Amino acid sequence: MDILNITKHNYQKEIHEAKETVLLDFWAPWCGPCRMVSPIVDEVAREATDRVKIGKVNVDEQPELAESFRVMSIPTLIVMQDGEIVEQKVGVQNKEAILKMLEFDEE
């Protein structure tokens, strides 16, 4: 599945109304730790195509979304189901930790 660029304009349709589990990656281009997490999120997206929807939120371009999720530090990863936050982690996470957030076993 392609990773979605989430904005305040497509958030409702793509994330809040999503039927599948959603992983949101809050990041910024200048953030070194975000650049470490990004390829891991990309890999998870390739492997979990039918089970999860993945979106990235650039906090510089979407400060309203970052504020609405109370994102204070980046990278922040948020897992949502049925429009509700079920898990949130701040900082660099390895692949196993991200999969555990999504409750998937590595194959």
PDB file of N, CA and C in Angstrom:
ATOM      1  N   MET A   1       0.837  -1.182   0.000  1.00  0.00           N
ATOM      2  CA  MET A   1       0.000   0.000   0.000  1.00  0.00           C
ATOM      3  C   MET A   1       0.876   1.237   0.000  1.00  0.00           C
ATOM      4  N   ASP A   2       0.452   2.212  -0.727  1.00  0.00           N
ATOM      5  CA  ASP A   2       1.172   3.477  -0.738  1.00  0.00           C
ATOM      6  C   ASP A   2       0.991   4.185   0.595  1.00  0.00           C
ATOM      7  N   ILE A   3       2.002   4.909   0.990  1.00  0.00           N
ATOM      8  CA  ILE A   3       1.899   5.718   2.194  1.00  0.00           C
ATOM      9  C   ILE A   3       1.224   7.021   1.808  1.00  0.00           C
ATOM     10  N   LEU A   4       0.239   7.405   2.593  1.00  0.00           N
ATOM     11  CA  LEU A   4      -0.529   8.604   2.296  1.00  0.00           C
ATOM     12  C   LEU A   4       0.099   9.823   2.957  1.00  0.00           C
ATOM     13  N   ASN A   5       0.081  10.937   2.246  1.00  0.00           N
ATOM     14  CA  ASN A   5       0.466  12.219   2.824  1.00  0.00           C
ATOM     15  C   ASN A   5      -0.808  12.790   3.450  1.00  0.00           C
ATOM     16  N   ILE A   6      -0.860  12.824   4.767  1.00  0.00           N
ATOM     17  CA  ILE A   6      -2.076  13.235   5.458  1.00  0.00           C
ATOM     18  C   ILE A   6      -2.048  14.734   5.723  1.00  0.00           C
ATOM     19  N   THR A   7      -3.144  15.376   5.353  1.00  0.00           N
ATOM     20  CA  THR A   7      -3.320  16.807   5.579  1.00  0.00           C
ATOM     21  C   THR A   7      -4.643  17.032   6.302  1.00  0.00           C
ATOM     22  N   LYS A   8      -4.872  18.254   6.716  1.00  0.00           N
ATOM     23  CA  LYS A   8      -6.149  18.549   7.375  1.00  0.00           C
ATOM     24  C   LYS A   8      -7.307  18.373   6.395  1.00  0.00           C
ATOM     25  N   HIS A   9      -7.016  18.399   5.106  1.00  0.00           N
ATOM     26  CA  HIS A   9      -8.055  18.263   4.090  1.00  0.00           C
ATOM     27  C   HIS A   9      -8.471  16.814   3.834  1.00  0.00           C
ATOM     28  N   ASN A  10      -7.541  15.865   3.958  1.00  0.00           N
ATOM     29  CA  ASN A  10      -7.895  14.462   3.690  1.00  0.00           C
ATOM     30  C   ASN A  10      -7.941  13.596   4.947  1.00  0.00           C
ATOM     31  N   TYR A  11      -7.660  14.167   6.096  1.00  0.00           N
ATOM     32  CA  TYR A  11      -7.625  13.390   7.334  1.00  0.00           C
ATOM     33  C   TYR A  11      -8.951  12.678   7.614  1.00  0.00           C
ATOM     34  N   GLN A  12     -10.047  13.387   7.529  1.00  0.00           N
ATOM     35  CA  GLN A  12     -11.350  12.805   7.869  1.00  0.00           C
ATOM     36  C   GLN A  12     -11.621  11.562   7.026  1.00  0.00           C
ATOM     37  N   LYS A  13     -11.465  11.693   5.719  1.00  0.00           N
ATOM     38  CA  LYS A  13     -11.766  10.583   4.806  1.00  0.00           C
ATOM     39  C   LYS A  13     -10.752   9.441   4.928  1.00  0.00           C
ATOM     40  N   GLU A  14      -9.473   9.771   4.921  1.00  0.00           N
ATOM     41  CA  GLU A  14      -8.432   8.742   4.858  1.00  0.00           C
ATOM     42  C   GLU A  14      -8.136   8.073   6.198  1.00  0.00           C
ATOM     43  N   ILE A  15      -8.263   8.807   7.281  1.00  0.00           N
ATOM     44  CA  ILE A  15      -7.851   8.279   8.580  1.00  0.00           C
ATOM     45  C   ILE A  15      -9.029   8.063   9.519  1.00  0.00           C
ATOM     46  N   HIS A  16      -9.769   9.102   9.775  1.00  0.00           N
ATOM     47  CA  HIS A  16     -10.845   9.007  10.763  1.00  0.00           C
ATOM     48  C   HIS A  16     -11.918   7.999  10.345  1.00  0.00           C
ATOM     49  N   GLU A  17     -12.195   7.900   9.059  1.00  0.00           N
ATOM     50  CA  GLU A  17     -13.219   6.984   8.566  1.00  0.00           C
ATOM     51  C   GLU A  17     -12.667   5.649   8.074  1.00  0.00           C
ATOM     52  N   ALA A  18     -11.377   5.419   8.274  1.00  0.00           N
ATOM     53  CA  ALA A  18     -10.744   4.189   7.786  1.00  0.00           C
ATOM     54  C   ALA A  18     -11.310   2.962   8.493  1.00  0.00           C
ATOM     55  N   LYS A  19     -11.504   1.911   7.729  1.00  0.00           N
ATOM     56  CA  LYS A  19     -11.986   0.642   8.278  1.00  0.00           C
ATOM     57  C   LYS A  19     -10.832  -0.185   8.851  1.00  0.00           C
ATOM     58  N   GLU A  20      -9.645  -0.047   8.265  1.00  0.00           N
ATOM     59  CA  GLU A  20      -8.495  -0.806   8.719  1.00  0.00           C
ATOM     60  C   GLU A  20      -7.754  -0.059   9.833  1.00  0.00           C
ATOM     61  N   THR A  21      -6.817  -0.738  10.460  1.00  0.00           N
ATOM     62  CA  THR A  21      -5.942  -0.108  11.447  1.00  0.00           C
ATOM     63  C   THR A  21      -5.104   0.934  10.730  1.00  0.00           C
ATOM     64  N   VAL A  22      -4.845   2.048  11.402  1.00  0.00           N
ATOM     65  CA  VAL A  22      -4.090   3.154  10.817  1.00  0.00           C
ATOM     66  C   VAL A  22      -2.837   3.410  11.641  1.00  0.00           C
ATOM     67  N   LEU A  23      -1.719   3.600  10.954  1.00  0.00           N
ATOM     68  CA  LEU A  23      -0.485   4.045  11.591  1.00  0.00           C
ATOM     69  C   LEU A  23      -0.170   5.428  11.055  1.00  0.00           C
ATOM     70  N   LEU A  24      -0.086   6.412  11.947  1.00  0.00           N
ATOM     71  CA  LEU A  24       0.295   7.768  11.564  1.00  0.00           C
ATOM     72  C   LEU A  24       1.705   8.047  12.044  1.00  0.00           C
ATOM     73  N   ASP A  25       2.520   8.571  11.145  1.00  0.00           N
ATOM     74  CA  ASP A  25       3.901   8.942  11.447  1.00  0.00           C
ATOM     75  C   ASP A  25       3.986  10.462  11.380  1.00  0.00           C
ATOM     76  N   PHE A  26       4.147  11.108  12.542  1.00  0.00           N
ATOM     77  CA  PHE A  26       4.319  12.562  12.598  1.00  0.00           C
ATOM     78  C   PHE A  26       5.815  12.837  12.518  1.00  0.00           C
ATOM     79  N   TRP A  27       6.213  13.679  11.551  1.00  0.00           N
ATOM     80  CA  TRP A  27       7.625  13.864  11.236  1.00  0.00           C
ATOM     81  C   TRP A  27       7.863  15.268  10.696  1.00  0.00           C
ATOM     82  N   ALA A  28       9.137  15.583  10.453  1.00  0.00           N
ATOM     83  CA  ALA A  28       9.543  16.810   9.757  1.00  0.00           C
ATOM     84  C   ALA A  28      10.832  16.510   9.006  1.00  0.00           C
ATOM     85  N   PRO A  29      11.042  17.188   7.871  1.00  0.00           N
ATOM     86  CA  PRO A  29      12.226  16.899   7.058  1.00  0.00           C
ATOM     87  C   PRO A  29      13.555  17.202   7.757  1.00  0.00           C
ATOM     88  N   TRP A  30      13.568  18.119   8.691  1.00  0.00           N
ATOM     89  CA  TRP A  30      14.798  18.504   9.381  1.00  0.00           C
ATOM     90  C   TRP A  30      15.124  17.595  10.571  1.00  0.00           C
ATOM     91  N   CYS A  31      14.256  16.663  10.883  1.00  0.00           N
ATOM     92  CA  CYS A  31      14.367  15.823  12.086  1.00  0.00           C
ATOM     93  C   CYS A  31      15.186  14.566  11.790  1.00  0.00           C
ATOM     94  N   GLY A  32      16.387  14.484  12.361  1.00  0.00           N
ATOM     95  CA  GLY A  32      17.247  13.318  12.157  1.00  0.00           C
ATOM     96  C   GLY A  32      16.604  12.002  12.576  1.00  0.00           C
ATOM     97  N   PRO A  33      16.049  11.917  13.793  1.00  0.00           N
ATOM     98  CA  PRO A  33      15.396  10.669  14.195  1.00  0.00           C
ATOM     99  C   PRO A  33      14.232  10.287  13.274  1.00  0.00           C
ATOM    100  N   CYS A  34      13.536  11.292  12.734  1.00  0.00           N
ATOM    101  CA  CYS A  34      12.437  11.008  11.797  1.00  0.00           C
ATOM    102  C   CYS A  34      12.971  10.327  10.543  1.00  0.00           C
ATOM    103  N   ARG A  35      14.147  10.768  10.088  1.00  0.00           N
ATOM    104  CA  ARG A  35      14.755  10.157   8.904  1.00  0.00           C
ATOM    105  C   ARG A  35      15.194   8.727   9.188  1.00  0.00           C
ATOM    106  N   MET A  36      15.443   8.394  10.453  1.00  0.00           N
ATOM    107  CA  MET A  36      15.788   7.015  10.828  1.00  0.00           C
ATOM    108  C   MET A  36      14.544   6.126  10.821  1.00  0.00           C
ATOM    109  N   VAL A  37      13.418   6.661  11.252  1.00  0.00           N
ATOM    110  CA  VAL A  37      12.176   5.892  11.348  1.00  0.00           C
ATOM    111  C   VAL A  37      11.504   5.725   9.988  1.00  0.00           C
ATOM    112  N   SER A  38      11.628   6.699   9.129  1.00  0.00           N
ATOM    113  CA  SER A  38      10.910   6.707   7.854  1.00  0.00           C
ATOM    114  C   SER A  38      11.093   5.437   7.020  1.00  0.00           C
ATOM    115  N   PRO A  39      12.325   4.940   6.802  1.00  0.00           N
ATOM    116  CA  PRO A  39      12.460   3.718   5.998  1.00  0.00           C
ATOM    117  C   PRO A  39      11.844   2.495   6.675  1.00  0.00           C
ATOM    118  N   ILE A  40      11.798   2.493   8.003  1.00  0.00           N
ATOM    119  CA  ILE A  40      11.180   1.378   8.717  1.00  0.00           C
ATOM    120  C   ILE A  40       9.672   1.411   8.501  1.00  0.00           C
ATOM    121  N   VAL A  41       9.089   2.594   8.588  1.00  0.00           N
ATOM    122  CA  VAL A  41       7.648   2.750   8.335  1.00  0.00           C
ATOM    123  C   VAL A  41       7.336   2.349   6.895  1.00  0.00           C
ATOM    124  N   ASP A  42       8.206   2.740   5.966  1.00  0.00           N
ATOM    125  CA  ASP A  42       8.016   2.360   4.559  1.00  0.00           C
ATOM    126  C   ASP A  42       8.019   0.840   4.402  1.00  0.00           C
ATOM    127  N   GLU A  43       8.926   0.170   5.097  1.00  0.00           N
ATOM    128  CA  GLU A  43       9.018  -1.296   5.021  1.00  0.00           C
ATOM    129  C   GLU A  43       7.761  -1.948   5.598  1.00  0.00           C
ATOM    130  N   VAL A  44       7.290  -1.445   6.725  1.00  0.00           N
ATOM    131  CA  VAL A  44       6.059  -1.966   7.321  1.00  0.00           C
ATOM    132  C   VAL A  44       4.897  -1.780   6.344  1.00  0.00           C
ATOM    133  N   ALA A  45       4.857  -0.642   5.670  1.00  0.00           N
ATOM    134  CA  ALA A  45       3.784  -0.375   4.703  1.00  0.00           C
ATOM    135  C   ALA A  45       3.803  -1.386   3.564  1.00  0.00           C
ATOM    136  N   ARG A  46       4.990  -1.731   3.087  1.00  0.00           N
ATOM    137  CA  ARG A  46       5.097  -2.711   2.001  1.00  0.00           C
ATOM    138  C   ARG A  46       4.635  -4.094   2.453  1.00  0.00           C
ATOM    139  N   GLU A  47       4.908  -4.447   3.691  1.00  0.00           N
ATOM    140  CA  GLU A  47       4.612  -5.791   4.185  1.00  0.00           C
ATOM    141  C   GLU A  47       3.172  -5.957   4.673  1.00  0.00           C
ATOM    142  N   ALA A  48       2.558  -4.908   5.128  1.00  0.00           N
ATOM    143  CA  ALA A  48       1.229  -5.004   5.747  1.00  0.00           C
ATOM    144  C   ALA A  48       0.164  -4.353   4.868  1.00  0.00           C
ATOM    145  N   THR A  49       0.253  -4.585   3.587  1.00  0.00           N
ATOM    146  CA  THR A  49      -0.571  -3.850   2.626  1.00  0.00           C
ATOM    147  C   THR A  49      -2.063  -3.952   2.849  1.00  0.00           C
ATOM    148  N   ASP A  50      -2.568  -5.122   3.181  1.00  0.00           N
ATOM    149  CA  ASP A  50      -4.020  -5.262   3.289  1.00  0.00           C
ATOM    150  C   ASP A  50      -4.518  -5.136   4.717  1.00  0.00           C
ATOM    151  N   ARG A  51      -3.610  -5.002   5.666  1.00  0.00           N
ATOM    152  CA  ARG A  51      -4.004  -4.988   7.078  1.00  0.00           C
ATOM    153  C   ARG A  51      -3.950  -3.621   7.732  1.00  0.00           C
ATOM    154  N   VAL A  52      -3.249  -2.702   7.124  1.00  0.00           N
ATOM    155  CA  VAL A  52      -3.034  -1.406   7.772  1.00  0.00           C
ATOM    156  C   VAL A  52      -2.937  -0.298   6.728  1.00  0.00           C
ATOM    157  N   LYS A  53      -3.415   0.850   7.092  1.00  0.00           N
ATOM    158  CA  LYS A  53      -3.272   2.051   6.267  1.00  0.00           C
ATOM    159  C   LYS A  53      -2.237   2.921   6.962  1.00  0.00           C
ATOM    160  N   ILE A  54      -1.272   3.414   6.199  1.00  0.00           N
ATOM    161  CA  ILE A  54      -0.194   4.201   6.793  1.00  0.00           C
ATOM    162  C   ILE A  54      -0.180   5.597   6.185  1.00  0.00           C
ATOM    163  N   GLY A  55      -0.112   6.576   7.080  1.00  0.00           N
ATOM    164  CA  GLY A  55      -0.058   7.965   6.657  1.00  0.00           C
ATOM    165  C   GLY A  55       1.055   8.700   7.375  1.00  0.00           C
ATOM    166  N   LYS A  56       1.606   9.683   6.696  1.00  0.00           N
ATOM    167  CA  LYS A  56       2.646  10.520   7.286  1.00  0.00           C
ATOM    168  C   LYS A  56       2.122  11.950   7.358  1.00  0.00           C
ATOM    169  N   VAL A  57       2.400  12.580   8.493  1.00  0.00           N
ATOM    170  CA  VAL A  57       1.970  13.952   8.723  1.00  0.00           C
ATOM    171  C   VAL A  57       3.208  14.808   8.947  1.00  0.00           C
ATOM    172  N   ASN A  58       3.472  15.709   8.014  1.00  0.00           N
ATOM    173  CA  ASN A  58       4.580  16.648   8.152  1.00  0.00           C
ATOM    174  C   ASN A  58       4.115  17.746   9.113  1.00  0.00           C
ATOM    175  N   VAL A  59       4.705  17.786  10.312  1.00  0.00           N
ATOM    176  CA  VAL A  59       4.242  18.718  11.337  1.00  0.00           C
ATOM    177  C   VAL A  59       4.486  20.173  10.961  1.00  0.00           C
ATOM    178  N   ASP A  60       5.455  20.438  10.095  1.00  0.00           N
ATOM    179  CA  ASP A  60       5.690  21.810   9.641  1.00  0.00           C
ATOM    180  C   ASP A  60       4.574  22.286   8.721  1.00  0.00           C
ATOM    181  N   GLU A  61       4.053  21.378   7.905  1.00  0.00           N
ATOM    182  CA  GLU A  61       3.002  21.725   6.954  1.00  0.00           C
ATOM    183  C   GLU A  61       1.604  21.563   7.543  1.00  0.00           C
ATOM    184  N   GLN A  62       1.468  20.762   8.582  1.00  0.00           N
ATOM    185  CA  GLN A  62       0.161  20.456   9.180  1.00  0.00           C
ATOM    186  C   GLN A  62       0.180  20.682  10.695  1.00  0.00           C
ATOM    187  N   PRO A  63       0.494  21.901  11.127  1.00  0.00           N
ATOM    188  CA  PRO A  63       0.576  22.125  12.578  1.00  0.00           C
ATOM    189  C   PRO A  63      -0.756  21.902  13.297  1.00  0.00           C
ATOM    190  N   GLU A  64      -1.874  22.125  12.583  1.00  0.00           N
ATOM    191  CA  GLU A  64      -3.185  21.921  13.218  1.00  0.00           C
ATOM    192  C   GLU A  64      -3.390  20.450  13.582  1.00  0.00           C
ATOM    193  N   LEU A  65      -2.992  19.547  12.679  1.00  0.00           N
ATOM    194  CA  LEU A  65      -3.119  18.116  12.976  1.00  0.00           C
ATOM    195  C   LEU A  65      -2.198  17.708  14.120  1.00  0.00           C
ATOM    196  N   ALA A  66      -0.971  18.191  14.088  1.00  0.00           N
ATOM    197  CA  ALA A  66      -0.034  17.865  15.169  1.00  0.00           C
ATOM    198  C   ALA A  66      -0.597  18.351  16.507  1.00  0.00           C
ATOM    199  N   GLU A  67      -1.149  19.533  16.511  1.00  0.00           N
ATOM    200  CA  GLU A  67      -1.731  20.080  17.738  1.00  0.00           C
ATOM    201  C   GLU A  67      -2.943  19.270  18.189  1.00  0.00           C
ATOM    202  N   SER A  68      -3.779  18.866  17.254  1.00  0.00           N
ATOM    203  CA  SER A  68      -4.980  18.111  17.630  1.00  0.00           C
ATOM    204  C   SER A  68      -4.636  16.752  18.232  1.00  0.00           C
ATOM    205  N   PHE A  69      -3.475  16.198  17.863  1.00  0.00           N
ATOM    206  CA  PHE A  69      -3.015  14.931  18.440  1.00  0.00           C
ATOM    207  C   PHE A  69      -2.069  15.152  19.622  1.00  0.00           C
ATOM    208  N   ARG A  70      -1.857  16.411  19.978  1.00  0.00           N
ATOM    209  CA  ARG A  70      -0.966  16.791  21.081  1.00  0.00           C
ATOM    210  C   ARG A  70       0.447  16.264  20.886  1.00  0.00           C
ATOM    211  N   VAL A  71       0.915  16.325  19.649  1.00  0.00           N
ATOM    212  CA  VAL A  71       2.278  15.894  19.339  1.00  0.00           C
ATOM    213  C   VAL A  71       3.239  16.992  19.786  1.00  0.00           C
ATOM    214  N   MET A  72       4.084  16.650  20.744  1.00  0.00           N
ATOM    215  CA  MET A  72       5.036  17.604  21.306  1.00  0.00           C
ATOM    216  C   MET A  72       6.463  17.331  20.821  1.00  0.00           C
ATOM    217  N   SER A  73       6.759  16.086  20.468  1.00  0.00           N
ATOM    218  CA  SER A  73       8.081  15.677  20.003  1.00  0.00           C
ATOM    219  C   SER A  73       7.897  14.772  18.804  1.00  0.00           C
ATOM    220  N   ILE A  74       8.895  14.794  17.928  1.00  0.00           N
ATOM    221  CA  ILE A  74       8.855  13.926  16.760  1.00  0.00           C
ATOM    222  C   ILE A  74      10.150  13.132  16.702  1.00  0.00           C
ATOM    223  N   PRO A  75      10.113  11.955  16.112  1.00  0.00           N
ATOM    224  CA  PRO A  75       8.954  11.313  15.515  1.00  0.00           C
ATOM    225  C   PRO A  75       7.961  10.810  16.571  1.00  0.00           C
ATOM    226  N   THR A  76       6.694  10.885  16.218  1.00  0.00           N
ATOM    227  CA  THR A  76       5.630  10.302  17.024  1.00  0.00           C
ATOM    228  C   THR A  76       4.846   9.359  16.125  1.00  0.00           C
ATOM    229  N   LEU A  77       4.644   8.141  16.586  1.00  0.00           N
ATOM    230  CA  LEU A  77       3.856   7.154  15.858  1.00  0.00           C
ATOM    231  C   LEU A  77       2.569   6.919  16.632  1.00  0.00           C
ATOM    232  N   ILE A  78       1.445   6.991  15.931  1.00  0.00           N
ATOM    233  CA  ILE A  78       0.138   6.803  16.549  1.00  0.00           C
ATOM    234  C   ILE A  78      -0.620   5.730  15.783  1.00  0.00           C
ATOM    235  N   VAL A  79      -1.169   4.767  16.515  1.00  0.00           N
ATOM    236  CA  VAL A  79      -1.997   3.726  15.919  1.00  0.00           C
ATOM    237  C   VAL A  79      -3.445   4.042  16.267  1.00  0.00           C
ATOM    238  N   MET A  80      -4.305   3.987  15.246  1.00  0.00           N
ATOM    239  CA  MET A  80      -5.726   4.269  15.426  1.00  0.00           C
ATOM    240  C   MET A  80      -6.566   3.115  14.905  1.00  0.00           C
ATOM    241  N   GLN A  81      -7.677   2.875  15.575  1.00  0.00           N
ATOM    242  CA  GLN A  81      -8.681   1.917  15.117  1.00  0.00           C
ATOM    243  C   GLN A  81     -10.036   2.557  15.338  1.00  0.00           C
ATOM    244  N   ASP A  82     -10.866   2.503  14.323  1.00  0.00           N
ATOM    245  CA  ASP A  82     -12.210   3.078  14.398  1.00  0.00           C
ATOM    246  C   ASP A  82     -12.180   4.543  14.831  1.00  0.00           C
ATOM    247  N   GLY A  83     -11.191   5.280  14.350  1.00  0.00           N
ATOM    248  CA  GLY A  83     -11.099   6.708  14.628  1.00  0.00           C
ATOM    249  C   GLY A  83     -10.582   7.064  16.004  1.00  0.00           C
ATOM    250  N   GLU A  84     -10.152   6.065  16.786  1.00  0.00           N
ATOM    251  CA  GLU A  84      -9.665   6.299  18.151  1.00  0.00           C
ATOM    252  C   GLU A  84      -8.194   5.900  18.265  1.00  0.00           C
ATOM    253  N   ILE A  85      -7.440   6.661  19.054  1.00  0.00           N
ATOM    254  CA  ILE A  85      -6.039   6.331  19.306  1.00  0.00           C
ATOM    255  C   ILE A  85      -5.982   5.117  20.229  1.00  0.00           C
ATOM    256  N   VAL A  86      -5.250   4.085  19.800  1.00  0.00           N
ATOM    257  CA  VAL A  86      -5.089   2.897  20.639  1.00  0.00           C
ATOM    258  C   VAL A  86      -3.657   2.742  21.156  1.00  0.00           C
ATOM    259  N   GLU A  87      -2.715   3.405  20.509  1.00  0.00           N
ATOM    260  CA  GLU A  87      -1.329   3.356  20.976  1.00  0.00           C
ATOM    261  C   GLU A  87      -0.567   4.535  20.406  1.00  0.00           C
ATOM    262  N   GLN A  88       0.410   5.016  21.182  1.00  0.00           N
ATOM    263  CA  GLN A  88       1.222   6.153  20.756  1.00  0.00           C
ATOM    264  C   GLN A  88       2.619   5.986  21.328  1.00  0.00           C
ATOM    265  N   LYS A  89       3.642   6.194  20.489  1.00  0.00           N
ATOM    266  CA  LYS A  89       5.037   6.112  20.921  1.00  0.00           C
ATOM    267  C   LYS A  89       5.785   7.311  20.351  1.00  0.00           C
ATOM    268  N   VAL A  90       6.690   7.839  21.151  1.00  0.00           N
ATOM    269  CA  VAL A  90       7.514   8.970  20.751  1.00  0.00           C
ATOM    270  C   VAL A  90       8.953   8.494  20.652  1.00  0.00           C
ATOM    271  N   GLY A  91       9.646   8.951  19.620  1.00  0.00           N
ATOM    272  CA  GLY A  91      11.053   8.612  19.452  1.00  0.00           C
ATOM    273  C   GLY A  91      11.240   7.504  18.425  1.00  0.00           C
ATOM    274  N   VAL A  92      12.504   7.180  18.197  1.00  0.00           N
ATOM    275  CA  VAL A  92      12.852   6.166  17.204  1.00  0.00           C
ATOM    276  C   VAL A  92      12.376   4.798  17.696  1.00  0.00           C
ATOM    277  N   GLN A  93      11.662   4.096  16.823  1.00  0.00           N
ATOM    278  CA  GLN A  93      11.182   2.745  17.110  1.00  0.00           C
ATOM    279  C   GLN A  93      11.746   1.808  16.047  1.00  0.00           C
ATOM    280  N   ASN A  94      12.142   0.615  16.463  1.00  0.00           N
ATOM    281  CA  ASN A  94      12.599  -0.351  15.471  1.00  0.00           C
ATOM    282  C   ASN A  94      11.385  -1.053  14.857  1.00  0.00           C
ATOM    283  N   LYS A  95      11.647  -1.863  13.845  1.00  0.00           N
ATOM    284  CA  LYS A  95      10.569  -2.528  13.126  1.00  0.00           C
ATOM    285  C   LYS A  95       9.729  -3.404  14.042  1.00  0.00           C
ATOM    286  N   GLU A  96      10.387  -4.159  14.909  1.00  0.00           N
ATOM    287  CA  GLU A  96       9.664  -5.054  15.813  1.00  0.00           C
ATOM    288  C   GLU A  96       8.712  -4.268  16.711  1.00  0.00           C
ATOM    289  N   ALA A  97       9.162  -3.119  17.206  1.00  0.00           N
ATOM    290  CA  ALA A  97       8.315  -2.293  18.077  1.00  0.00           C
ATOM    291  C   ALA A  97       7.108  -1.751  17.314  1.00  0.00           C
ATOM    292  N   ILE A  98       7.324  -1.358  16.064  1.00  0.00           N
ATOM    293  CA  ILE A  98       6.215  -0.842  15.257  1.00  0.00           C
ATOM    294  C   ILE A  98       5.216  -1.961  14.966  1.00  0.00           C
ATOM    295  N   LEU A  99       5.715  -3.135  14.604  1.00  0.00           N
ATOM    296  CA  LEU A  99       4.815  -4.262  14.356  1.00  0.00           C
ATOM    297  C   LEU A  99       4.041  -4.637  15.616  1.00  0.00           C
ATOM    298  N   LYS A 100       4.708  -4.565  16.759  1.00  0.00           N
ATOM    299  CA  LYS A 100       4.017  -4.865  18.021  1.00  0.00           C
ATOM    300  C   LYS A 100       2.920  -3.833  18.279  1.00  0.00           C
ATOM    301  N   MET A 101       3.183  -2.572  17.953  1.00  0.00           N
ATOM    302  CA  MET A 101       2.152  -1.544  18.094  1.00  0.00           C
ATOM    303  C   MET A 101       0.923  -1.907  17.262  1.00  0.00           C
ATOM    304  N   LEU A 102       1.181  -2.497  16.108  1.00  0.00           N
ATOM    305  CA  LEU A 102       0.103  -2.867  15.189  1.00  0.00           C
ATOM    306  C   LEU A 102      -0.451  -4.255  15.494  1.00  0.00           C
ATOM    307  N   GLU A 103       0.161  -4.929  16.468  1.00  0.00           N
ATOM    308  CA  GLU A 103      -0.230  -6.274  16.886  1.00  0.00           C
ATOM    309  C   GLU A 103      -0.085  -7.294  15.769  1.00  0.00           C
ATOM    310  N   PHE A 104       0.994  -7.148  14.997  1.00  0.00           N
ATOM    311  CA  PHE A 104       1.315  -8.105  13.947  1.00  0.00           C
ATOM    312  C   PHE A 104       2.580  -8.821  14.344  1.00  0.00           C
ATOM    313  N   ASP A 105       2.688 -10.069  13.984  1.00  0.00           N
ATOM    314  CA  ASP A 105       3.921 -10.807  14.192  1.00  0.00           C
ATOM    315  C   ASP A 105       4.777 -10.685  12.947  1.00  0.00           C
ATOM    316  N   GLU A 106       6.078 -10.515  13.157  1.00  0.00           N
ATOM    317  CA  GLU A 106       6.982 -10.441  12.006  1.00  0.00           C
ATOM    318  C   GLU A 106       7.027 -11.810  11.342  1.00  0.00           C
ATOM    319  N   GLU A 107       6.992 -11.788  10.012  1.00  0.00           N
ATOM    320  CA  GLU A 107       6.947 -13.061   9.284  1.00  0.00           C
ATOM    321  C   GLU A 107       8.267 -13.388   8.654  1.00  0.00           C
TER     322      GLU A 107
END
